């Protein structure tokens, strides 16, 4: 298992380097001169070529491209993403707390999605073709098809405005998590529970289930084996759900004024804060690669045959 893990980590290194290079190139594709953006953010009334040249020299923008990339990459490895063009603060001082807040929302949402998806998937698989199965699938399809902002507006109107039970913004208490988590969970659980249902249905028709029943094993033990084997198929999906939700909370965070990456990224894009945008894209890309590696390792732990394929 250790050898397999080492191979997966070695494969991830070239991907991380490629992602960092593409992220750094984002600034080069912008039609705006980064030095002019800095001067505009500082409120300089008249931007002259001399000021632009001076700013480039101060920020190291006059160096060759490959030198700037290597300097930036080495700084990123030390969690130094530069300074914001708008506020002048360290990018990590802005990105770090926002990342933690988004990660909290993501982990709670993933836990809710996992529990709801497995429960509904198993129930619908056992009741396949019956009214319970049809009703759950119909309702989940309807809810999953609603845009997140519309679903958020409905929940806010009912639970916050009409009933006055829950807050509509911030993260002051556990109640602040309920509406954002509900919007995220409803949207994704409606998709993932279908995968669990399909996996459970496929395993219920396997020969080992018939043999176990013929040997008189308790149905409870049989179902535990079925669920375990089904989760092998869905492990990768649930692991990848973490970075997907991590990067997909933009709408939810802006609707509920959640101080996370989604809110921060929108502000950075609107103000053309390139260092902050670069750091945001890089963090999400690294999260996708790392969680993809974690999902492969978990699948290999559950299924030893996969270790022999690499």
C-alpha atoms as a PDB file:
ATOM      1  CA  UNK A   1       0.000   0.000   0.000  1.00  0.00           C
ATOM      2  CA  UNK A   2       2.894   2.354   0.767  1.00  0.00           C
ATOM      3  CA  UNK A   3       4.386   1.717  -2.678  1.00  0.00           C
ATOM      4  CA  UNK A   4       1.064   2.496  -4.345  1.00  0.00           C
ATOM      5  CA  UNK A   5       0.727   5.722  -2.346  1.00  0.00           C
ATOM      6  CA  UNK A   6       4.260   6.781  -3.342  1.00  0.00           C
ATOM      7  CA  UNK A   7       3.497   6.195  -7.030  1.00  0.00           C
ATOM      8  CA  UNK A   8       0.317   8.230  -6.831  1.00  0.00           C
ATOM      9  CA  UNK A   9       2.157  11.116  -5.180  1.00  0.00           C
ATOM     10  CA  UNK A  10       4.898  11.020  -7.835  1.00  0.00           C
ATOM     11  CA  UNK A  11       2.268  11.169 -10.572  1.00  0.00           C
ATOM     12  CA  UNK A  12       0.680  14.191  -8.912  1.00  0.00           C
ATOM     13  CA  UNK A  13       3.884  16.274  -8.903  1.00  0.00           C
ATOM     14  CA  UNK A  14       3.989  16.957 -12.706  1.00  0.00           C
ATOM     15  CA  UNK A  15       0.287  17.822 -12.607  1.00  0.00           C
ATOM     16  CA  UNK A  16       0.852  20.315  -9.814  1.00  0.00           C
ATOM     17  CA  UNK A  17       3.700  21.946 -11.725  1.00  0.00           C
ATOM     18  CA  UNK A  18       1.585  22.166 -14.889  1.00  0.00           C
ATOM     19  CA  UNK A  19      -1.330  23.655 -12.949  1.00  0.00           C
ATOM     20  CA  UNK A  20       0.933  26.249 -11.340  1.00  0.00           C
ATOM     21  CA  UNK A  21       2.338  27.237 -14.753  1.00  0.00           C
ATOM     22  CA  UNK A  22      -1.134  27.624 -16.285  1.00  0.00           C
ATOM     23  CA  UNK A  23      -2.261  29.633 -13.268  1.00  0.00           C
ATOM     24  CA  UNK A  24       0.692  31.995 -13.563  1.00  0.00           C
ATOM     25  CA  UNK A  25      -0.072  32.485 -17.262  1.00  0.00           C
ATOM     26  CA  UNK A  26      -3.501  33.892 -16.390  1.00  0.00           C
ATOM     27  CA  UNK A  27      -1.999  37.298 -15.720  1.00  0.00           C
ATOM     28  CA  UNK A  28      -0.179  37.264 -19.069  1.00  0.00           C
ATOM     29  CA  UNK A  29      -3.444  36.751 -20.994  1.00  0.00           C
ATOM     30  CA  UNK A  30      -5.123  39.773 -19.410  1.00  0.00           C
ATOM     31  CA  UNK A  31      -5.589  42.738 -21.784  1.00  0.00           C
ATOM     32  CA  UNK A  32      -4.813  45.066 -18.859  1.00  0.00           C
ATOM     33  CA  UNK A  33      -1.291  45.901 -17.756  1.00  0.00           C
ATOM     34  CA  UNK A  34      -0.923  44.644 -14.138  1.00  0.00           C
ATOM     35  CA  UNK A  35       1.157  47.727 -13.304  1.00  0.00           C
ATOM     36  CA  UNK A  36      -1.688  49.992 -14.436  1.00  0.00           C
ATOM     37  CA  UNK A  37      -4.132  47.980 -12.327  1.00  0.00           C
ATOM     38  CA  UNK A  38      -1.923  48.530  -9.283  1.00  0.00           C
ATOM     39  CA  UNK A  39      -1.755  52.267  -9.916  1.00  0.00           C
ATOM     40  CA  UNK A  40      -5.519  52.490 -10.441  1.00  0.00           C
ATOM     41  CA  UNK A  41      -6.110  50.614  -7.180  1.00  0.00           C
ATOM     42  CA  UNK A  42      -3.820  53.071  -5.407  1.00  0.00           C
ATOM     43  CA  UNK A  43      -5.908  55.964  -6.712  1.00  0.00           C
ATOM     44  CA  UNK A  44      -3.169  57.570  -8.801  1.00  0.00           C
ATOM     45  CA  UNK A  45      -4.881  60.458 -10.659  1.00  0.00           C
ATOM     46  CA  UNK A  46      -2.640  60.389 -13.728  1.00  0.00           C
ATOM     47  CA  UNK A  47      -0.874  57.254 -14.894  1.00  0.00           C
ATOM     48  CA  UNK A  48       2.244  58.017 -16.890  1.00  0.00           C
ATOM     49  CA  UNK A  49       4.634  55.631 -18.687  1.00  0.00           C
ATOM     50  CA  UNK A  50       7.295  56.521 -16.134  1.00  0.00           C
ATOM     51  CA  UNK A  51       5.033  55.490 -13.242  1.00  0.00           C
ATOM     52  CA  UNK A  52       4.144  52.252 -15.039  1.00  0.00           C
ATOM     53  CA  UNK A  53       7.831  51.438 -15.598  1.00  0.00           C
ATOM     54  CA  UNK A  54       8.665  52.264 -11.970  1.00  0.00           C
ATOM     55  CA  UNK A  55       5.828  50.040 -10.684  1.00  0.00           C
ATOM     56  CA  UNK A  56       6.952  47.160 -12.888  1.00  0.00           C
ATOM     57  CA  UNK A  57      10.474  47.464 -11.526  1.00  0.00           C
ATOM     58  CA  UNK A  58       9.217  47.532  -7.919  1.00  0.00           C
ATOM     59  CA  UNK A  59       7.036  44.442  -8.419  1.00  0.00           C
ATOM     60  CA  UNK A  60       9.604  42.567 -10.516  1.00  0.00           C
ATOM     61  CA  UNK A  61       7.403  42.626 -13.618  1.00  0.00           C
ATOM     62  CA  UNK A  62      10.330  43.716 -15.794  1.00  0.00           C
ATOM     63  CA  UNK A  63      12.125  40.391 -15.299  1.00  0.00           C
ATOM     64  CA  UNK A  64      12.020  37.593 -17.936  1.00  0.00           C
ATOM     65  CA  UNK A  65       8.881  35.461 -17.898  1.00  0.00           C
ATOM     66  CA  UNK A  66      10.523  32.233 -16.720  1.00  0.00           C
ATOM     67  CA  UNK A  67      12.352  34.049 -13.901  1.00  0.00           C
ATOM     68  CA  UNK A  68       9.099  35.613 -12.707  1.00  0.00           C
ATOM     69  CA  UNK A  69       7.377  32.219 -12.821  1.00  0.00           C
ATOM     70  CA  UNK A  70      10.087  30.460 -10.826  1.00  0.00           C
ATOM     71  CA  UNK A  71      10.158  33.255  -8.232  1.00  0.00           C
ATOM     72  CA  UNK A  72       6.383  33.089  -7.915  1.00  0.00           C
ATOM     73  CA  UNK A  73       6.393  29.281  -7.685  1.00  0.00           C
ATOM     74  CA  UNK A  74       9.030  29.253  -4.935  1.00  0.00           C
ATOM     75  CA  UNK A  75       7.065  31.885  -3.033  1.00  0.00           C
ATOM     76  CA  UNK A  76       3.831  29.876  -3.382  1.00  0.00           C
ATOM     77  CA  UNK A  77       5.551  26.812  -1.915  1.00  0.00           C
ATOM     78  CA  UNK A  78       6.109  28.977   1.175  1.00  0.00           C
ATOM     79  CA  UNK A  79       2.450  30.146   1.121  1.00  0.00           C
ATOM     80  CA  UNK A  80       3.563  33.570  -0.059  1.00  0.00           C
ATOM     81  CA  UNK A  81       1.233  34.549  -2.912  1.00  0.00           C
ATOM     82  CA  UNK A  82       2.282  38.189  -2.981  1.00  0.00           C
ATOM     83  CA  UNK A  83       0.225  41.201  -1.990  1.00  0.00           C
ATOM     84  CA  UNK A  84      -3.223  42.335  -3.043  1.00  0.00           C
ATOM     85  CA  UNK A  85      -3.248  45.109  -5.635  1.00  0.00           C
ATOM     86  CA  UNK A  86      -6.315  46.661  -4.024  1.00  0.00           C
ATOM     87  CA  UNK A  87      -5.678  46.474  -0.273  1.00  0.00           C
ATOM     88  CA  UNK A  88      -1.920  45.998  -0.236  1.00  0.00           C
ATOM     89  CA  UNK A  89      -2.318  43.197   2.315  1.00  0.00           C
ATOM     90  CA  UNK A  90      -0.717  39.787   2.016  1.00  0.00           C
ATOM     91  CA  UNK A  91      -2.801  37.514  -0.232  1.00  0.00           C
ATOM     92  CA  UNK A  92      -2.509  34.644   2.234  1.00  0.00           C
ATOM     93  CA  UNK A  93      -3.811  36.843   5.063  1.00  0.00           C
ATOM     94  CA  UNK A  94      -6.967  37.300   2.973  1.00  0.00           C
ATOM     95  CA  UNK A  95      -7.125  33.847   1.410  1.00  0.00           C
ATOM     96  CA  UNK A  96      -6.321  31.790   4.513  1.00  0.00           C
ATOM     97  CA  UNK A  97      -9.317  32.776   6.706  1.00  0.00           C
ATOM     98  CA  UNK A  98     -11.641  32.681   3.682  1.00  0.00           C
ATOM     99  CA  UNK A  99     -10.397  29.177   2.793  1.00  0.00           C
ATOM    100  CA  UNK A 100     -11.008  27.961   6.350  1.00  0.00           C
ATOM    101  CA  UNK A 101     -14.557  29.365   6.324  1.00  0.00           C
ATOM    102  CA  UNK A 102     -15.338  27.751   2.969  1.00  0.00           C
ATOM    103  CA  UNK A 103     -13.773  24.475   4.098  1.00  0.00           C
ATOM    104  CA  UNK A 104     -16.021  24.427   7.182  1.00  0.00           C
ATOM    105  CA  UNK A 105     -19.101  24.912   5.017  1.00  0.00           C
ATOM    106  CA  UNK A 106     -17.854  22.296   2.544  1.00  0.00           C
ATOM    107  CA  UNK A 107     -17.101  19.596   5.114  1.00  0.00           C
ATOM    108  CA  UNK A 108     -20.463  20.003   6.848  1.00  0.00           C
ATOM    109  CA  UNK A 109     -22.215  19.920   3.460  1.00  0.00           C
ATOM    110  CA  UNK A 110     -20.284  16.834   2.307  1.00  0.00           C
ATOM    111  CA  UNK A 111     -21.149  15.013   5.543  1.00  0.00           C
ATOM    112  CA  UNK A 112     -24.842  15.840   5.040  1.00  0.00           C
ATOM    113  CA  UNK A 113     -24.663  14.827   1.359  1.00  0.00           C
ATOM    114  CA  UNK A 114     -22.953  11.539   2.222  1.00  0.00           C
ATOM    115  CA  UNK A 115     -25.500  10.565   4.877  1.00  0.00           C
ATOM    116  CA  UNK A 116     -28.505  11.614   2.785  1.00  0.00           C
ATOM    117  CA  UNK A 117     -27.217  10.060  -0.448  1.00  0.00           C
ATOM    118  CA  UNK A 118     -26.386   6.699   1.120  1.00  0.00           C
ATOM    119  CA  UNK A 119     -29.679   6.555   3.037  1.00  0.00           C
ATOM    120  CA  UNK A 120     -31.852   7.500   0.059  1.00  0.00           C
ATOM    121  CA  UNK A 121     -29.802   5.367  -2.342  1.00  0.00           C
ATOM    122  CA  UNK A 122     -30.167   2.225  -0.231  1.00  0.00           C
ATOM    123  CA  UNK A 123     -33.882   2.820   0.456  1.00  0.00           C
ATOM    124  CA  UNK A 124     -34.662   3.444  -3.215  1.00  0.00           C
ATOM    125  CA  UNK A 125     -32.631   0.402  -4.283  1.00  0.00           C
ATOM    126  CA  UNK A 126     -34.545  -1.844  -1.877  1.00  0.00           C
ATOM    127  CA  UNK A 127     -37.843  -0.300  -3.043  1.00  0.00           C
ATOM    128  CA  UNK A 128     -36.847  -0.207  -6.733  1.00  0.00           C
ATOM    129  CA  UNK A 129     -39.823   0.378  -9.011  1.00  0.00           C
ATOM    130  CA  UNK A 130     -42.236   0.995  -6.130  1.00  0.00           C
ATOM    131  CA  UNK A 131     -43.978   4.227  -5.196  1.00  0.00           C
ATOM    132  CA  UNK A 132     -41.365   5.181  -2.601  1.00  0.00           C
ATOM    133  CA  UNK A 133     -38.595   4.888  -5.155  1.00  0.00           C
ATOM    134  CA  UNK A 134     -40.523   6.816  -7.798  1.00  0.00           C
ATOM    135  CA  UNK A 135     -41.560   9.578  -5.379  1.00  0.00           C
ATOM    136  CA  UNK A 136     -38.024  10.109  -4.000  1.00  0.00           C
ATOM    137  CA  UNK A 137     -36.521  10.213  -7.484  1.00  0.00           C
ATOM    138  CA  UNK A 138     -39.153  12.635  -8.737  1.00  0.00           C
ATOM    139  CA  UNK A 139     -38.734  15.031  -5.809  1.00  0.00           C
ATOM    140  CA  UNK A 140     -34.927  14.845  -5.978  1.00  0.00           C
ATOM    141  CA  UNK A 141     -34.979  15.553  -9.716  1.00  0.00           C
ATOM    142  CA  UNK A 142     -37.188  18.598  -9.151  1.00  0.00           C
ATOM    143  CA  UNK A 143     -35.052  20.001  -6.327  1.00  0.00           C
ATOM    144  CA  UNK A 144     -31.743  19.293  -8.088  1.00  0.00           C
ATOM    145  CA  UNK A 145     -32.966  21.121 -11.196  1.00  0.00           C
ATOM    146  CA  UNK A 146     -33.618  24.349  -9.271  1.00  0.00           C
ATOM    147  CA  UNK A 147     -30.856  26.963  -9.588  1.00  0.00           C
ATOM    148  CA  UNK A 148     -29.020  27.444  -6.257  1.00  0.00           C
ATOM    149  CA  UNK A 149     -29.943  31.137  -6.036  1.00  0.00           C
ATOM    150  CA  UNK A 150     -33.649  30.348  -6.527  1.00  0.00           C
ATOM    151  CA  UNK A 151     -33.588  27.555  -3.954  1.00  0.00           C
ATOM    152  CA  UNK A 152     -31.717  29.852  -1.560  1.00  0.00           C
ATOM    153  CA  UNK A 153     -34.286  32.611  -2.076  1.00  0.00           C
ATOM    154  CA  UNK A 154     -37.157  30.197  -1.338  1.00  0.00           C
ATOM    155  CA  UNK A 155     -35.534  28.917   1.858  1.00  0.00           C
ATOM    156  CA  UNK A 156     -34.659  32.436   3.016  1.00  0.00           C
ATOM    157  CA  UNK A 157     -38.212  33.656   2.413  1.00  0.00           C
ATOM    158  CA  UNK A 158     -39.784  30.763   4.307  1.00  0.00           C
ATOM    159  CA  UNK A 159     -37.405  30.054   7.203  1.00  0.00           C
ATOM    160  CA  UNK A 160     -35.867  33.502   7.731  1.00  0.00           C
ATOM    161  CA  UNK A 161     -38.557  35.977   6.655  1.00  0.00           C
ATOM    162  CA  UNK A 162     -41.858  34.204   7.233  1.00  0.00           C
ATOM    163  CA  UNK A 163     -40.977  32.008  10.236  1.00  0.00           C
ATOM    164  CA  UNK A 164     -38.034  34.098  11.503  1.00  0.00           C
ATOM    165  CA  UNK A 165     -36.203  30.965  12.629  1.00  0.00           C
ATOM    166  CA  UNK A 166     -32.810  31.284  10.943  1.00  0.00           C
ATOM    167  CA  UNK A 167     -30.327  34.081  10.115  1.00  0.00           C
ATOM    168  CA  UNK A 168     -29.766  35.064   6.501  1.00  0.00           C
ATOM    169  CA  UNK A 169     -26.076  36.011   6.652  1.00  0.00           C
ATOM    170  CA  UNK A 170     -22.820  35.556   8.522  1.00  0.00           C
ATOM    171  CA  UNK A 171     -21.518  32.559  10.479  1.00  0.00           C
ATOM    172  CA  UNK A 172     -22.148  33.569  14.078  1.00  0.00           C
ATOM    173  CA  UNK A 173     -23.643  30.261  15.287  1.00  0.00           C
ATOM    174  CA  UNK A 174     -24.609  26.777  14.145  1.00  0.00           C
ATOM    175  CA  UNK A 175     -27.886  28.229  12.855  1.00  0.00           C
ATOM    176  CA  UNK A 176     -25.916  30.180  10.260  1.00  0.00           C
ATOM    177  CA  UNK A 177     -24.848  26.868   8.698  1.00  0.00           C
ATOM    178  CA  UNK A 178     -28.343  25.469   8.235  1.00  0.00           C
ATOM    179  CA  UNK A 179     -29.544  27.405   5.184  1.00  0.00           C
ATOM    180  CA  UNK A 180     -26.247  27.360   3.191  1.00  0.00           C
ATOM    181  CA  UNK A 181     -25.757  23.657   3.962  1.00  0.00           C
ATOM    182  CA  UNK A 182     -29.370  22.908   3.023  1.00  0.00           C
ATOM    183  CA  UNK A 183     -28.995  24.622  -0.377  1.00  0.00           C
ATOM    184  CA  UNK A 184     -25.719  22.806  -1.100  1.00  0.00           C
ATOM    185  CA  UNK A 185     -26.962  19.434   0.141  1.00  0.00           C
ATOM    186  CA  UNK A 186     -30.232  19.503  -1.781  1.00  0.00           C
ATOM    187  CA  UNK A 187     -28.445  20.347  -5.013  1.00  0.00           C
ATOM    188  CA  UNK A 188     -25.774  17.640  -4.808  1.00  0.00           C
ATOM    189  CA  UNK A 189     -27.548  14.852  -2.888  1.00  0.00           C
ATOM    190  CA  UNK A 190     -30.134  14.647  -5.667  1.00  0.00           C
ATOM    191  CA  UNK A 191     -27.312  13.648  -8.004  1.00  0.00           C
ATOM    192  CA  UNK A 192     -25.152  11.443  -5.802  1.00  0.00           C
ATOM    193  CA  UNK A 193     -27.932   9.322  -4.311  1.00  0.00           C
ATOM    194  CA  UNK A 194     -28.733   8.046  -7.827  1.00  0.00           C
ATOM    195  CA  UNK A 195     -25.183   6.758  -8.114  1.00  0.00           C
ATOM    196  CA  UNK A 196     -25.525   4.953  -4.777  1.00  0.00           C
ATOM    197  CA  UNK A 197     -28.869   3.516  -5.879  1.00  0.00           C
ATOM    198  CA  UNK A 198     -27.407   2.200  -9.138  1.00  0.00           C
ATOM    199  CA  UNK A 199     -24.405   0.696  -7.348  1.00  0.00           C
ATOM    200  CA  UNK A 200     -26.588  -1.024  -4.734  1.00  0.00           C
ATOM    201  CA  UNK A 201     -28.958  -2.369  -7.389  1.00  0.00           C
ATOM    202  CA  UNK A 202     -26.026  -3.753  -9.345  1.00  0.00           C
ATOM    203  CA  UNK A 203     -24.622  -5.515  -6.282  1.00  0.00           C
ATOM    204  CA  UNK A 204     -28.008  -6.925  -5.271  1.00  0.00           C
ATOM    205  CA  UNK A 205     -28.016  -8.941  -8.497  1.00  0.00           C
ATOM    206  CA  UNK A 206     -24.504 -10.328  -8.009  1.00  0.00           C
ATOM    207  CA  UNK A 207     -23.936 -14.051  -7.468  1.00  0.00           C
ATOM    208  CA  UNK A 208     -22.452 -13.591  -3.994  1.00  0.00           C
ATOM    209  CA  UNK A 209     -25.773 -12.163  -2.742  1.00  0.00           C
ATOM    210  CA  UNK A 210     -27.722 -15.176  -4.007  1.00  0.00           C
ATOM    211  CA  UNK A 211     -25.147 -17.552  -2.569  1.00  0.00           C
ATOM    212  CA  UNK A 212     -25.223 -15.782   0.809  1.00  0.00           C
ATOM    213  CA  UNK A 213     -29.000 -15.995   0.951  1.00  0.00           C
ATOM    214  CA  UNK A 214     -28.899 -19.642  -0.065  1.00  0.00           C
ATOM    215  CA  UNK A 215     -26.483 -20.312   2.808  1.00  0.00           C
ATOM    216  CA  UNK A 216     -28.937 -18.687   5.217  1.00  0.00           C
ATOM    217  CA  UNK A 217     -26.894 -15.638   6.172  1.00  0.00           C
ATOM    218  CA  UNK A 218     -28.905 -12.903   7.922  1.00  0.00           C
ATOM    219  CA  UNK A 219     -30.178 -10.216   5.569  1.00  0.00           C
ATOM    220  CA  UNK A 220     -28.499  -7.580   7.719  1.00  0.00           C
ATOM    221  CA  UNK A 221     -25.025  -9.035   7.081  1.00  0.00           C
ATOM    222  CA  UNK A 222     -25.759  -9.386   3.376  1.00  0.00           C
ATOM    223  CA  UNK A 223     -26.815  -5.748   3.133  1.00  0.00           C
ATOM    224  CA  UNK A 224     -23.658  -4.629   4.954  1.00  0.00           C
ATOM    225  CA  UNK A 225     -21.568  -6.421   2.315  1.00  0.00           C
ATOM    226  CA  UNK A 226     -23.684  -4.929  -0.471  1.00  0.00           C
ATOM    227  CA  UNK A 227     -23.306  -1.388   0.908  1.00  0.00           C
ATOM    228  CA  UNK A 228     -19.553  -1.846   1.410  1.00  0.00           C
ATOM    229  CA  UNK A 229     -19.070  -3.088  -2.165  1.00  0.00           C
ATOM    230  CA  UNK A 230     -21.318  -0.328  -3.493  1.00  0.00           C
ATOM    231  CA  UNK A 231     -19.349   2.362  -1.712  1.00  0.00           C
ATOM    232  CA  UNK A 232     -16.200   1.171  -3.504  1.00  0.00           C
ATOM    233  CA  UNK A 233     -17.744   2.473  -6.716  1.00  0.00           C
ATOM    234  CA  UNK A 234     -18.937   5.747  -5.201  1.00  0.00           C
ATOM    235  CA  UNK A 235     -15.837   6.516  -3.117  1.00  0.00           C
ATOM    236  CA  UNK A 236     -14.207   8.482  -5.922  1.00  0.00           C
ATOM    237  CA  UNK A 237     -17.409  10.424  -6.492  1.00  0.00           C
ATOM    238  CA  UNK A 238     -17.753  11.448  -2.856  1.00  0.00           C
ATOM    239  CA  UNK A 239     -14.049  12.360  -2.561  1.00  0.00           C
ATOM    240  CA  UNK A 240     -14.248  14.543  -5.645  1.00  0.00           C
ATOM    241  CA  UNK A 241     -17.399  16.143  -4.240  1.00  0.00           C
ATOM    242  CA  UNK A 242     -15.229  18.013  -1.720  1.00  0.00           C
ATOM    243  CA  UNK A 243     -13.244  20.123  -4.243  1.00  0.00           C
ATOM    244  CA  UNK A 244     -16.329  20.453  -6.471  1.00  0.00           C
ATOM    245  CA  UNK A 245     -18.325  21.962  -3.604  1.00  0.00           C
ATOM    246  CA  UNK A 246     -15.263  23.919  -2.469  1.00  0.00           C
ATOM    247  CA  UNK A 247     -15.206  25.678  -5.827  1.00  0.00           C
ATOM    248  CA  UNK A 248     -18.960  25.724  -6.323  1.00  0.00           C
ATOM    249  CA  UNK A 249     -19.977  27.684  -3.251  1.00  0.00           C
ATOM    250  CA  UNK A 250     -19.700  31.042  -5.032  1.00  0.00           C
ATOM    251  CA  UNK A 251     -23.460  31.518  -5.399  1.00  0.00           C
ATOM    252  CA  UNK A 252     -24.324  30.188  -1.938  1.00  0.00           C
ATOM    253  CA  UNK A 253     -21.672  32.292  -0.204  1.00  0.00           C
ATOM    254  CA  UNK A 254     -22.695  35.481  -1.973  1.00  0.00           C
ATOM    255  CA  UNK A 255     -26.401  34.914  -1.269  1.00  0.00           C
ATOM    256  CA  UNK A 256     -25.819  34.261   2.436  1.00  0.00           C
ATOM    257  CA  UNK A 257     -22.882  36.711   2.829  1.00  0.00           C
ATOM    258  CA  UNK A 258     -20.633  33.843   3.914  1.00  0.00           C
ATOM    259  CA  UNK A 259     -17.063  35.152   4.364  1.00  0.00           C
ATOM    260  CA  UNK A 260     -15.421  32.462   2.264  1.00  0.00           C
ATOM    261  CA  UNK A 261     -13.546  31.895  -0.980  1.00  0.00           C
ATOM    262  CA  UNK A 262     -16.628  32.436  -3.141  1.00  0.00           C
ATOM    263  CA  UNK A 263     -17.280  35.914  -1.785  1.00  0.00           C
ATOM    264  CA  UNK A 264     -13.579  36.794  -1.865  1.00  0.00           C
ATOM    265  CA  UNK A 265     -13.128  35.596  -5.465  1.00  0.00           C
ATOM    266  CA  UNK A 266     -16.047  37.668  -6.757  1.00  0.00           C
ATOM    267  CA  UNK A 267     -14.625  40.799  -5.131  1.00  0.00           C
ATOM    268  CA  UNK A 268     -11.171  40.017  -6.561  1.00  0.00           C
ATOM    269  CA  UNK A 269     -12.547  39.522 -10.077  1.00  0.00           C
ATOM    270  CA  UNK A 270     -14.584  42.721  -9.944  1.00  0.00           C
ATOM    271  CA  UNK A 271     -11.546  44.723  -8.807  1.00  0.00           C
ATOM    272  CA  UNK A 272      -9.085  42.869 -11.104  1.00  0.00           C
ATOM    273  CA  UNK A 273      -6.934  41.843  -8.158  1.00  0.00           C
ATOM    274  CA  UNK A 274      -4.670  39.460 -10.114  1.00  0.00           C
ATOM    275  CA  UNK A 275      -2.548  38.021  -7.262  1.00  0.00           C
ATOM    276  CA  UNK A 276      -5.694  37.109  -5.344  1.00  0.00           C
ATOM    277  CA  UNK A 277      -7.306  35.562  -8.424  1.00  0.00           C
ATOM    278  CA  UNK A 278      -4.162  33.551  -9.164  1.00  0.00           C
ATOM    279  CA  UNK A 279      -3.986  32.244  -5.601  1.00  0.00           C
ATOM    280  CA  UNK A 280      -7.690  31.310  -5.648  1.00  0.00           C
ATOM    281  CA  UNK A 281      -7.372  29.357  -8.913  1.00  0.00           C
ATOM    282  CA  UNK A 282      -4.180  27.650  -7.738  1.00  0.00           C
ATOM    283  CA  UNK A 283      -5.665  26.575  -4.396  1.00  0.00           C
ATOM    284  CA  UNK A 284      -8.732  25.071  -6.067  1.00  0.00           C
ATOM    285  CA  UNK A 285      -6.650  23.292  -8.717  1.00  0.00           C
ATOM    286  CA  UNK A 286      -4.357  21.816  -6.063  1.00  0.00           C
ATOM    287  CA  UNK A 287      -7.419  20.725  -4.063  1.00  0.00           C
ATOM    288  CA  UNK A 288      -8.806  18.865  -7.101  1.00  0.00           C
ATOM    289  CA  UNK A 289      -5.503  17.038  -7.667  1.00  0.00           C
ATOM    290  CA  UNK A 290      -4.999  16.149  -4.006  1.00  0.00           C
ATOM    291  CA  UNK A 291      -8.541  14.866  -3.473  1.00  0.00           C
ATOM    292  CA  UNK A 292      -8.318  12.889  -6.715  1.00  0.00           C
ATOM    293  CA  UNK A 293      -5.205  11.226  -5.291  1.00  0.00           C
ATOM    294  CA  UNK A 294      -6.990  10.595  -1.992  1.00  0.00           C
ATOM    295  CA  UNK A 295      -9.930   8.978  -3.808  1.00  0.00           C
ATOM    296  CA  UNK A 296      -7.561   6.670  -5.712  1.00  0.00           C
ATOM    297  CA  UNK A 297      -5.814   5.655  -2.493  1.00  0.00           C
ATOM    298  CA  UNK A 298      -9.132   4.963  -0.738  1.00  0.00           C
ATOM    299  CA  UNK A 299     -10.344   2.850  -3.648  1.00  0.00           C
ATOM    300  CA  UNK A 300      -7.082   0.915  -3.604  1.00  0.00           C
ATOM    301  CA  UNK A 301      -7.489   0.351   0.140  1.00  0.00           C
ATOM    302  CA  UNK A 302     -10.982  -1.042  -0.453  1.00  0.00           C
ATOM    303  CA  UNK A 303     -10.059  -3.005  -3.581  1.00  0.00           C
ATOM    304  CA  UNK A 304      -6.523  -4.537  -3.552  1.00  0.00           C
ATOM    305  CA  UNK A 305      -6.788  -5.415  -7.269  1.00  0.00           C
ATOM    306  CA  UNK A 306      -6.408  -1.713  -8.158  1.00  0.00           C
ATOM    307  CA  UNK A 307      -2.952  -1.603  -6.534  1.00  0.00           C
ATOM    308  CA  UNK A 308      -1.669  -4.181  -9.001  1.00  0.00           C
ATOM    309  CA  UNK A 309      -2.791  -2.125 -12.013  1.00  0.00           C
ATOM    310  CA  UNK A 310      -0.398   0.737 -11.286  1.00  0.00           C
END
